[in-house]
Amino acid sequence: MISKEEVEKIAKLSRLELSEKEVEKMQKDLSEILNYFDVLKSAPKVKTTNHSLQTTNLRIDEAKDSKVADKLINASPDKKDGYIKVKAIF
């Protein structure tokens, strides 16, 4: 079990003020967390695969002039220098 002094040191580093009751609760909680890490260490190893070597069928990233922006600007009632002019909000 983690010691009371260790909990108080962790609380100080975390800038937490803990009551005696909270220190005791943290002792128990932190000990359970650390014990769970031991359980995870004893878990069987799983073989991982490297997915970065697989090829994907993605389209080539290339710029296309779709003229959508020009259509929107031309359709707006008020425009200036290639931008849509709107009312100020501030």
PDB file of N, CA and C in Angstrom:
ATOM      1  N   MET A   1       0.852  -1.186   0.000  1.00  0.00           N
ATOM      2  CA  MET A   1       0.000   0.000   0.000  1.00  0.00           C
ATOM      3  C   MET A   1       0.890   1.238   0.000  1.00  0.00           C
ATOM      4  N   ILE A   2       0.451   2.246  -0.734  1.00  0.00           N
ATOM      5  CA  ILE A   2       1.193   3.493  -0.821  1.00  0.00           C
ATOM      6  C   ILE A   2       1.145   4.197   0.543  1.00  0.00           C
ATOM      7  N   SER A   3       2.232   4.807   0.931  1.00  0.00           N
ATOM      8  CA  SER A   3       2.314   5.397   2.268  1.00  0.00           C
ATOM      9  C   SER A   3       1.606   6.754   2.325  1.00  0.00           C
ATOM     10  N   LYS A   4       1.279   7.142   3.533  1.00  0.00           N
ATOM     11  CA  LYS A   4       0.629   8.425   3.776  1.00  0.00           C
ATOM     12  C   LYS A   4       1.526   9.572   3.321  1.00  0.00           C
ATOM     13  N   GLU A   5       2.823   9.439   3.542  1.00  0.00           N
ATOM     14  CA  GLU A   5       3.771  10.477   3.148  1.00  0.00           C
ATOM     15  C   GLU A   5       3.819  10.646   1.625  1.00  0.00           C
ATOM     16  N   GLU A   6       3.740   9.520   0.917  1.00  0.00           N
ATOM     17  CA  GLU A   6       3.746   9.580  -0.542  1.00  0.00           C
ATOM     18  C   GLU A   6       2.495  10.280  -1.073  1.00  0.00           C
ATOM     19  N   VAL A   7       1.353   9.988  -0.458  1.00  0.00           N
ATOM     20  CA  VAL A   7       0.107  10.640  -0.865  1.00  0.00           C
ATOM     21  C   VAL A   7       0.195  12.138  -0.600  1.00  0.00           C
ATOM     22  N   GLU A   8       0.732  12.511   0.547  1.00  0.00           N
ATOM     23  CA  GLU A   8       0.860  13.931   0.878  1.00  0.00           C
ATOM     24  C   GLU A   8       1.823  14.639  -0.082  1.00  0.00           C
ATOM     25  N   LYS A   9       2.891  13.940  -0.480  1.00  0.00           N
ATOM     26  CA  LYS A   9       3.842  14.520  -1.429  1.00  0.00           C
ATOM     27  C   LYS A   9       3.176  14.717  -2.794  1.00  0.00           C
ATOM     28  N   ILE A  10       2.418  13.717  -3.250  1.00  0.00           N
ATOM     29  CA  ILE A  10       1.700  13.825  -4.522  1.00  0.00           C
ATOM     30  C   ILE A  10       0.680  14.956  -4.456  1.00  0.00           C
ATOM     31  N   ALA A  11      -0.012  15.077  -3.333  1.00  0.00           N
ATOM     32  CA  ALA A  11      -0.998  16.152  -3.167  1.00  0.00           C
ATOM     33  C   ALA A  11      -0.315  17.519  -3.201  1.00  0.00           C
ATOM     34  N   LYS A  12       0.842  17.612  -2.572  1.00  0.00           N
ATOM     35  CA  LYS A  12       1.576  18.881  -2.573  1.00  0.00           C
ATOM     36  C   LYS A  12       2.029  19.240  -3.990  1.00  0.00           C
ATOM     37  N   LEU A  13       2.560  18.264  -4.728  1.00  0.00           N
ATOM     38  CA  LEU A  13       2.985  18.502  -6.105  1.00  0.00           C
ATOM     39  C   LEU A  13       1.800  18.894  -6.992  1.00  0.00           C
ATOM     40  N   SER A  14       0.629  18.349  -6.678  1.00  0.00           N
ATOM     41  CA  SER A  14      -0.578  18.657  -7.438  1.00  0.00           C
ATOM     42  C   SER A  14      -1.286  19.906  -6.920  1.00  0.00           C
ATOM     43  N   ARG A  15      -0.707  20.484  -5.875  1.00  0.00           N
ATOM     44  CA  ARG A  15      -1.282  21.669  -5.228  1.00  0.00           C
ATOM     45  C   ARG A  15      -2.710  21.419  -4.755  1.00  0.00           C
ATOM     46  N   LEU A  16      -2.868  20.281  -4.081  1.00  0.00           N
ATOM     47  CA  LEU A  16      -4.149  19.914  -3.499  1.00  0.00           C
ATOM     48  C   LEU A  16      -4.034  19.930  -1.984  1.00  0.00           C
ATOM     49  N   GLU A  17      -5.062  20.418  -1.349  1.00  0.00           N
ATOM     50  CA  GLU A  17      -5.118  20.365   0.110  1.00  0.00           C
ATOM     51  C   GLU A  17      -6.088  19.254   0.475  1.00  0.00           C
ATOM     52  N   LEU A  18      -5.576  18.212   1.109  1.00  0.00           N
ATOM     53  CA  LEU A  18      -6.385  17.059   1.460  1.00  0.00           C
ATOM     54  C   LEU A  18      -6.535  16.964   2.971  1.00  0.00           C
ATOM     55  N   SER A  19      -7.746  16.610   3.387  1.00  0.00           N
ATOM     56  CA  SER A  19      -7.971  16.350   4.810  1.00  0.00           C
ATOM     57  C   SER A  19      -7.425  14.954   5.133  1.00  0.00           C
ATOM     58  N   GLU A  20      -7.386  14.621   6.416  1.00  0.00           N
ATOM     59  CA  GLU A  20      -6.893  13.304   6.828  1.00  0.00           C
ATOM     60  C   GLU A  20      -7.741  12.193   6.209  1.00  0.00           C
ATOM     61  N   LYS A  21      -9.045  12.409   6.171  1.00  0.00           N
ATOM     62  CA  LYS A  21      -9.947  11.418   5.607  1.00  0.00           C
ATOM     63  C   LYS A  21      -9.673  11.241   4.110  1.00  0.00           C
ATOM     64  N   GLU A  22      -9.422  12.352   3.431  1.00  0.00           N
ATOM     65  CA  GLU A  22      -9.135  12.290   1.998  1.00  0.00           C
ATOM     66  C   GLU A  22      -7.790  11.614   1.724  1.00  0.00           C
ATOM     67  N   VAL A  23      -6.815  11.845   2.599  1.00  0.00           N
ATOM     68  CA  VAL A  23      -5.512  11.209   2.444  1.00  0.00           C
ATOM     69  C   VAL A  23      -5.662   9.689   2.547  1.00  0.00           C
ATOM     70  N   GLU A  24      -6.448   9.238   3.503  1.00  0.00           N
ATOM     71  CA  GLU A  24      -6.668   7.801   3.673  1.00  0.00           C
ATOM     72  C   GLU A  24      -7.376   7.213   2.453  1.00  0.00           C
ATOM     73  N   LYS A  25      -8.362   7.942   1.943  1.00  0.00           N
ATOM     74  CA  LYS A  25      -9.084   7.469   0.759  1.00  0.00           C
ATOM     75  C   LYS A  25      -8.143   7.419  -0.449  1.00  0.00           C
ATOM     76  N   MET A  26      -7.307   8.442  -0.595  1.00  0.00           N
ATOM     77  CA  MET A  26      -6.357   8.463  -1.708  1.00  0.00           C
ATOM     78  C   MET A  26      -5.329   7.341  -1.584  1.00  0.00           C
ATOM     79  N   GLN A  27      -4.932   7.021  -0.373  1.00  0.00           N
ATOM     80  CA  GLN A  27      -4.007   5.896  -0.164  1.00  0.00           C
ATOM     81  C   GLN A  27      -4.607   4.623  -0.757  1.00  0.00           C
ATOM     82  N   LYS A  28      -5.859   4.400  -0.422  1.00  0.00           N
ATOM     83  CA  LYS A  28      -6.540   3.196  -0.891  1.00  0.00           C
ATOM     84  C   LYS A  28      -6.704   3.244  -2.412  1.00  0.00           C
ATOM     85  N   ASP A  29      -7.189   4.374  -2.946  1.00  0.00           N
ATOM     86  CA  ASP A  29      -7.450   4.489  -4.386  1.00  0.00           C
ATOM     87  C   ASP A  29      -6.174   4.372  -5.214  1.00  0.00           C
ATOM     88  N   LEU A  30      -5.123   5.074  -4.807  1.00  0.00           N
ATOM     89  CA  LEU A  30      -3.865   5.016  -5.547  1.00  0.00           C
ATOM     90  C   LEU A  30      -3.241   3.628  -5.487  1.00  0.00           C
ATOM     91  N   SER A  31      -3.376   2.954  -4.346  1.00  0.00           N
ATOM     92  CA  SER A  31      -2.847   1.596  -4.233  1.00  0.00           C
ATOM     93  C   SER A  31      -3.575   0.652  -5.193  1.00  0.00           C
ATOM     94  N   GLU A  32      -4.902   0.812  -5.298  1.00  0.00           N
ATOM     95  CA  GLU A  32      -5.668  -0.023  -6.214  1.00  0.00           C
ATOM     96  C   GLU A  32      -5.269   0.240  -7.668  1.00  0.00           C
ATOM     97  N   ILE A  33      -5.034   1.492  -7.997  1.00  0.00           N
ATOM     98  CA  ILE A  33      -4.615   1.847  -9.361  1.00  0.00           C
ATOM     99  C   ILE A  33      -3.264   1.221  -9.677  1.00  0.00           C
ATOM    100  N   LEU A  34      -2.322   1.351  -8.754  1.00  0.00           N
ATOM    101  CA  LEU A  34      -0.991   0.778  -8.983  1.00  0.00           C
ATOM    102  C   LEU A  34      -1.037  -0.740  -9.057  1.00  0.00           C
ATOM    103  N   ASN A  35      -1.900  -1.365  -8.262  1.00  0.00           N
ATOM    104  CA  ASN A  35      -2.057  -2.822  -8.324  1.00  0.00           C
ATOM    105  C   ASN A  35      -2.625  -3.247  -9.673  1.00  0.00           C
ATOM    106  N   TYR A  36      -3.479  -2.433 -10.246  1.00  0.00           N
ATOM    107  CA  TYR A  36      -4.054  -2.756 -11.547  1.00  0.00           C
ATOM    108  C   TYR A  36      -2.983  -2.741 -12.636  1.00  0.00           C
ATOM    109  N   PHE A  37      -1.997  -1.866 -12.497  1.00  0.00           N
ATOM    110  CA  PHE A  37      -0.887  -1.860 -13.456  1.00  0.00           C
ATOM    111  C   PHE A  37      -0.137  -3.190 -13.423  1.00  0.00           C
ATOM    112  N   ASP A  38      -0.012  -3.789 -12.241  1.00  0.00           N
ATOM    113  CA  ASP A  38       0.627  -5.104 -12.141  1.00  0.00           C
ATOM    114  C   ASP A  38      -0.194  -6.159 -12.889  1.00  0.00           C
ATOM    115  N   VAL A  39      -1.505  -6.047 -12.810  1.00  0.00           N
ATOM    116  CA  VAL A  39      -2.376  -6.970 -13.539  1.00  0.00           C
ATOM    117  C   VAL A  39      -2.166  -6.794 -15.037  1.00  0.00           C
ATOM    118  N   LEU A  40      -2.070  -5.540 -15.484  1.00  0.00           N
ATOM    119  CA  LEU A  40      -1.865  -5.279 -16.905  1.00  0.00           C
ATOM    120  C   LEU A  40      -0.507  -5.792 -17.383  1.00  0.00           C
ATOM    121  N   LYS A  41       0.500  -5.694 -16.521  1.00  0.00           N
ATOM    122  CA  LYS A  41       1.829  -6.189 -16.899  1.00  0.00           C
ATOM    123  C   LYS A  41       1.826  -7.693 -17.132  1.00  0.00           C
ATOM    124  N   SER A  42       0.981  -8.407 -16.409  1.00  0.00           N
ATOM    125  CA  SER A  42       0.949  -9.861 -16.543  1.00  0.00           C
ATOM    126  C   SER A  42       0.026 -10.323 -17.673  1.00  0.00           C
ATOM    127  N   ALA A  43      -0.611  -9.402 -18.363  1.00  0.00           N
ATOM    128  CA  ALA A  43      -1.486  -9.762 -19.482  1.00  0.00           C
ATOM    129  C   ALA A  43      -0.648 -10.323 -20.624  1.00  0.00           C
ATOM    130  N   PRO A  44      -1.213 -11.241 -21.398  1.00  0.00           N
ATOM    131  CA  PRO A  44      -0.447 -11.813 -22.511  1.00  0.00           C
ATOM    132  C   PRO A  44      -0.137 -10.761 -23.573  1.00  0.00           C
ATOM    133  N   LYS A  45       0.997 -10.931 -24.198  1.00  0.00           N
ATOM    134  CA  LYS A  45       1.426 -10.003 -25.240  1.00  0.00           C
ATOM    135  C   LYS A  45       0.635 -10.275 -26.517  1.00  0.00           C
ATOM    136  N   VAL A  46       0.273  -9.202 -27.213  1.00  0.00           N
ATOM    137  CA  VAL A  46      -0.473  -9.318 -28.456  1.00  0.00           C
ATOM    138  C   VAL A  46       0.414  -8.832 -29.585  1.00  0.00           C
ATOM    139  N   LYS A  47       0.454  -9.598 -30.652  1.00  0.00           N
ATOM    140  CA  LYS A  47       1.275  -9.214 -31.791  1.00  0.00           C
ATOM    141  C   LYS A  47       0.582  -8.060 -32.516  1.00  0.00           C
ATOM    142  N   THR A  48       1.317  -7.000 -32.752  1.00  0.00           N
ATOM    143  CA  THR A  48       0.754  -5.853 -33.454  1.00  0.00           C
ATOM    144  C   THR A  48       1.171  -5.897 -34.914  1.00  0.00           C
ATOM    145  N   THR A  49       0.396  -5.212 -35.730  1.00  0.00           N
ATOM    146  CA  THR A  49       0.729  -5.135 -37.156  1.00  0.00           C
ATOM    147  C   THR A  49       0.979  -3.683 -37.515  1.00  0.00           C
ATOM    148  N   ASN A  50       1.746  -3.506 -38.561  1.00  0.00           N
ATOM    149  CA  ASN A  50       2.054  -2.159 -39.022  1.00  0.00           C
ATOM    150  C   ASN A  50       1.159  -1.858 -40.212  1.00  0.00           C
ATOM    151  N   HIS A  51       0.146  -1.037 -39.986  1.00  0.00           N
ATOM    152  CA  HIS A  51      -0.803  -0.711 -41.041  1.00  0.00           C
ATOM    153  C   HIS A  51      -0.268   0.345 -41.999  1.00  0.00           C
ATOM    154  N   SER A  52       0.820   0.985 -41.661  1.00  0.00           N
ATOM    155  CA  SER A  52       1.348   2.031 -42.533  1.00  0.00           C
ATOM    156  C   SER A  52       1.957   1.460 -43.805  1.00  0.00           C
ATOM    157  N   LEU A  53       2.237   0.160 -43.823  1.00  0.00           N
ATOM    158  CA  LEU A  53       2.819  -0.462 -45.003  1.00  0.00           C
ATOM    159  C   LEU A  53       1.755  -0.847 -46.027  1.00  0.00           C
ATOM    160  N   GLN A  54       0.503  -0.856 -45.604  1.00  0.00           N
ATOM    161  CA  GLN A  54      -0.563  -1.231 -46.522  1.00  0.00           C
ATOM    162  C   GLN A  54      -0.842  -0.080 -47.487  1.00  0.00           C
ATOM    163  N   THR A  55      -1.197  -0.430 -48.698  1.00  0.00           N
ATOM    164  CA  THR A  55      -1.508   0.600 -49.683  1.00  0.00           C
ATOM    165  C   THR A  55      -2.985   0.941 -49.613  1.00  0.00           C
ATOM    166  N   THR A  56      -3.302   2.166 -49.913  1.00  0.00           N
ATOM    167  CA  THR A  56      -4.687   2.613 -49.923  1.00  0.00           C
ATOM    168  C   THR A  56      -5.018   3.194 -51.289  1.00  0.00           C
ATOM    169  N   ASN A  57      -6.262   3.169 -51.614  1.00  0.00           N
ATOM    170  CA  ASN A  57      -6.713   3.698 -52.893  1.00  0.00           C
ATOM    171  C   ASN A  57      -7.324   5.080 -52.677  1.00  0.00           C
ATOM    172  N   LEU A  58      -6.479   6.052 -52.443  1.00  0.00           N
ATOM    173  CA  LEU A  58      -6.946   7.417 -52.243  1.00  0.00           C
ATOM    174  C   LEU A  58      -6.764   8.203 -53.527  1.00  0.00           C
ATOM    175  N   ARG A  59      -7.601   9.181 -53.714  1.00  0.00           N
ATOM    176  CA  ARG A  59      -7.464  10.007 -54.905  1.00  0.00           C
ATOM    177  C   ARG A  59      -6.260  10.925 -54.750  1.00  0.00           C
ATOM    178  N   ILE A  60      -5.737  11.364 -55.845  1.00  0.00           N
ATOM    179  CA  ILE A  60      -4.611  12.281 -55.838  1.00  0.00           C
ATOM    180  C   ILE A  60      -5.120  13.656 -55.429  1.00  0.00           C
ATOM    181  N   ASP A  61      -4.413  14.293 -54.518  1.00  0.00           N
ATOM    182  CA  ASP A  61      -4.799  15.603 -54.030  1.00  0.00           C
ATOM    183  C   ASP A  61      -4.299  16.665 -55.001  1.00  0.00           C
ATOM    184  N   GLU A  62      -5.220  17.197 -55.777  1.00  0.00           N
ATOM    185  CA  GLU A  62      -4.846  18.212 -56.749  1.00  0.00           C
ATOM    186  C   GLU A  62      -5.888  19.325 -56.743  1.00  0.00           C
ATOM    187  N   ALA A  63      -5.428  20.533 -56.957  1.00  0.00           N
ATOM    188  CA  ALA A  63      -6.316  21.690 -56.957  1.00  0.00           C
ATOM    189  C   ALA A  63      -7.094  21.735 -58.261  1.00  0.00           C
ATOM    190  N   LYS A  64      -8.381  22.030 -58.151  1.00  0.00           N
ATOM    191  CA  LYS A  64      -9.231  22.167 -59.325  1.00  0.00           C
ATOM    192  C   LYS A  64      -9.979  23.488 -59.209  1.00  0.00           C
ATOM    193  N   ASP A  65     -10.112  24.169 -60.292  1.00  0.00           N
ATOM    194  CA  ASP A  65     -10.840  25.428 -60.302  1.00  0.00           C
ATOM    195  C   ASP A  65     -12.309  25.119 -60.568  1.00  0.00           C
ATOM    196  N   SER A  66     -13.123  25.175 -59.514  1.00  0.00           N
ATOM    197  CA  SER A  66     -14.517  24.783 -59.656  1.00  0.00           C
ATOM    198  C   SER A  66     -15.439  25.963 -59.941  1.00  0.00           C
ATOM    199  N   LYS A  67     -14.943  27.152 -59.830  1.00  0.00           N
ATOM    200  CA  LYS A  67     -15.714  28.368 -60.113  1.00  0.00           C
ATOM    201  C   LYS A  67     -16.890  28.576 -59.154  1.00  0.00           C
ATOM    202  N   VAL A  68     -16.954  27.798 -58.081  1.00  0.00           N
ATOM    203  CA  VAL A  68     -18.052  27.941 -57.121  1.00  0.00           C
ATOM    204  C   VAL A  68     -17.952  29.285 -56.415  1.00  0.00           C
ATOM    205  N   ALA A  69     -16.753  29.665 -56.001  1.00  0.00           N
ATOM    206  CA  ALA A  69     -16.590  30.935 -55.295  1.00  0.00           C
ATOM    207  C   ALA A  69     -17.004  32.099 -56.190  1.00  0.00           C
ATOM    208  N   ASP A  70     -16.622  32.052 -57.456  1.00  0.00           N
ATOM    209  CA  ASP A  70     -17.000  33.126 -58.379  1.00  0.00           C
ATOM    210  C   ASP A  70     -18.510  33.195 -58.552  1.00  0.00           C
ATOM    211  N   LYS A  71     -19.169  32.043 -58.625  1.00  0.00           N
ATOM    212  CA  LYS A  71     -20.627  32.017 -58.763  1.00  0.00           C
ATOM    213  C   LYS A  71     -21.299  32.618 -57.529  1.00  0.00           C
ATOM    214  N   LEU A  72     -20.780  32.294 -56.347  1.00  0.00           N
ATOM    215  CA  LEU A  72     -21.360  32.834 -55.115  1.00  0.00           C
ATOM    216  C   LEU A  72     -21.172  34.346 -55.032  1.00  0.00           C
ATOM    217  N   ILE A  73     -19.990  34.811 -55.365  1.00  0.00           N
ATOM    218  CA  ILE A  73     -19.720  36.250 -55.307  1.00  0.00           C
ATOM    219  C   ILE A  73     -20.584  36.988 -56.319  1.00  0.00           C
ATOM    220  N   ASN A  74     -20.708  36.452 -57.504  1.00  0.00           N
ATOM    221  CA  ASN A  74     -21.529  37.094 -58.527  1.00  0.00           C
ATOM    222  C   ASN A  74     -23.005  37.089 -58.166  1.00  0.00           C
ATOM    223  N   ALA A  75     -23.449  36.098 -57.401  1.00  0.00           N
ATOM    224  CA  ALA A  75     -24.848  36.010 -57.005  1.00  0.00           C
ATOM    225  C   ALA A  75     -25.178  36.912 -55.822  1.00  0.00           C
ATOM    226  N   SER A  76     -24.177  37.413 -55.107  1.00  0.00           N
ATOM    227  CA  SER A  76     -24.435  38.249 -53.932  1.00  0.00           C
ATOM    228  C   SER A  76     -24.873  39.650 -54.367  1.00  0.00           C
ATOM    229  N   PRO A  77     -25.753  40.297 -53.588  1.00  0.00           N
ATOM    230  CA  PRO A  77     -26.252  41.613 -53.978  1.00  0.00           C
ATOM    231  C   PRO A  77     -25.213  42.724 -53.803  1.00  0.00           C
ATOM    232  N   ASP A  78     -24.276  42.555 -52.867  1.00  0.00           N
ATOM    233  CA  ASP A  78     -23.292  43.604 -52.609  1.00  0.00           C
ATOM    234  C   ASP A  78     -21.903  42.979 -52.543  1.00  0.00           C
ATOM    235  N   LYS A  79     -21.011  43.451 -53.406  1.00  0.00           N
ATOM    236  CA  LYS A  79     -19.669  42.874 -53.446  1.00  0.00           C
ATOM    237  C   LYS A  79     -18.646  43.978 -53.669  1.00  0.00           C
ATOM    238  N   LYS A  80     -17.386  43.672 -53.265  1.00  0.00           N
ATOM    239  CA  LYS A  80     -16.317  44.649 -53.437  1.00  0.00           C
ATOM    240  C   LYS A  80     -14.991  43.905 -53.540  1.00  0.00           C
ATOM    241  N   ASP A  81     -14.211  44.175 -54.556  1.00  0.00           N
ATOM    242  CA  ASP A  81     -12.870  43.603 -54.764  1.00  0.00           C
ATOM    243  C   ASP A  81     -12.860  42.065 -54.698  1.00  0.00           C
ATOM    244  N   GLY A  82     -13.862  41.431 -55.232  1.00  0.00           N
ATOM    245  CA  GLY A  82     -13.892  39.972 -55.271  1.00  0.00           C
ATOM    246  C   GLY A  82     -14.365  39.338 -53.980  1.00  0.00           C
ATOM    247  N   TYR A  83     -14.916  40.121 -53.044  1.00  0.00           N
ATOM    248  CA  TYR A  83     -15.439  39.606 -51.778  1.00  0.00           C
ATOM    249  C   TYR A  83     -16.893  40.006 -51.628  1.00  0.00           C
ATOM    250  N   ILE A  84     -17.627  39.211 -50.836  1.00  0.00           N
ATOM    251  CA  ILE A  84     -19.016  39.557 -50.527  1.00  0.00           C
ATOM    252  C   ILE A  84     -18.998  40.576 -49.408  1.00  0.00           C
ATOM    253  N   LYS A  85     -19.698  41.684 -49.610  1.00  0.00           N
ATOM    254  CA  LYS A  85     -19.741  42.761 -48.626  1.00  0.00           C
ATOM    255  C   LYS A  85     -20.940  42.519 -47.705  1.00  0.00           C
ATOM    256  N   VAL A  86     -20.659  42.519 -46.384  1.00  0.00           N
ATOM    257  CA  VAL A  86     -21.711  42.297 -45.384  1.00  0.00           C
ATOM    258  C   VAL A  86     -21.662  43.429 -44.362  1.00  0.00           C
ATOM    259  N   LYS A  87     -22.735  43.531 -43.568  1.00  0.00           N
ATOM    260  CA  LYS A  87     -22.786  44.542 -42.513  1.00  0.00           C
ATOM    261  C   LYS A  87     -21.812  44.200 -41.412  1.00  0.00           C
ATOM    262  N   ALA A  88     -21.238  45.237 -40.792  1.00  0.00           N
ATOM    263  CA  ALA A  88     -20.330  45.026 -39.655  1.00  0.00           C
ATOM    264  C   ALA A  88     -21.114  44.504 -38.460  1.00  0.00           C
ATOM    265  N   ILE A  89     -20.526  43.584 -37.719  1.00  0.00           N
ATOM    266  CA  ILE A  89     -21.229  43.031 -36.562  1.00  0.00           C
ATOM    267  C   ILE A  89     -20.697  43.591 -35.248  1.00  0.00           C
ATOM    268  N   PHE A  90     -19.612  44.333 -35.280  1.00  0.00           N
ATOM    269  CA  PHE A  90     -19.084  44.927 -34.052  1.00  0.00           C
ATOM    270  C   PHE A  90     -19.204  46.425 -34.108  1.00  0.00           C
TER     271      PHE A  90
END
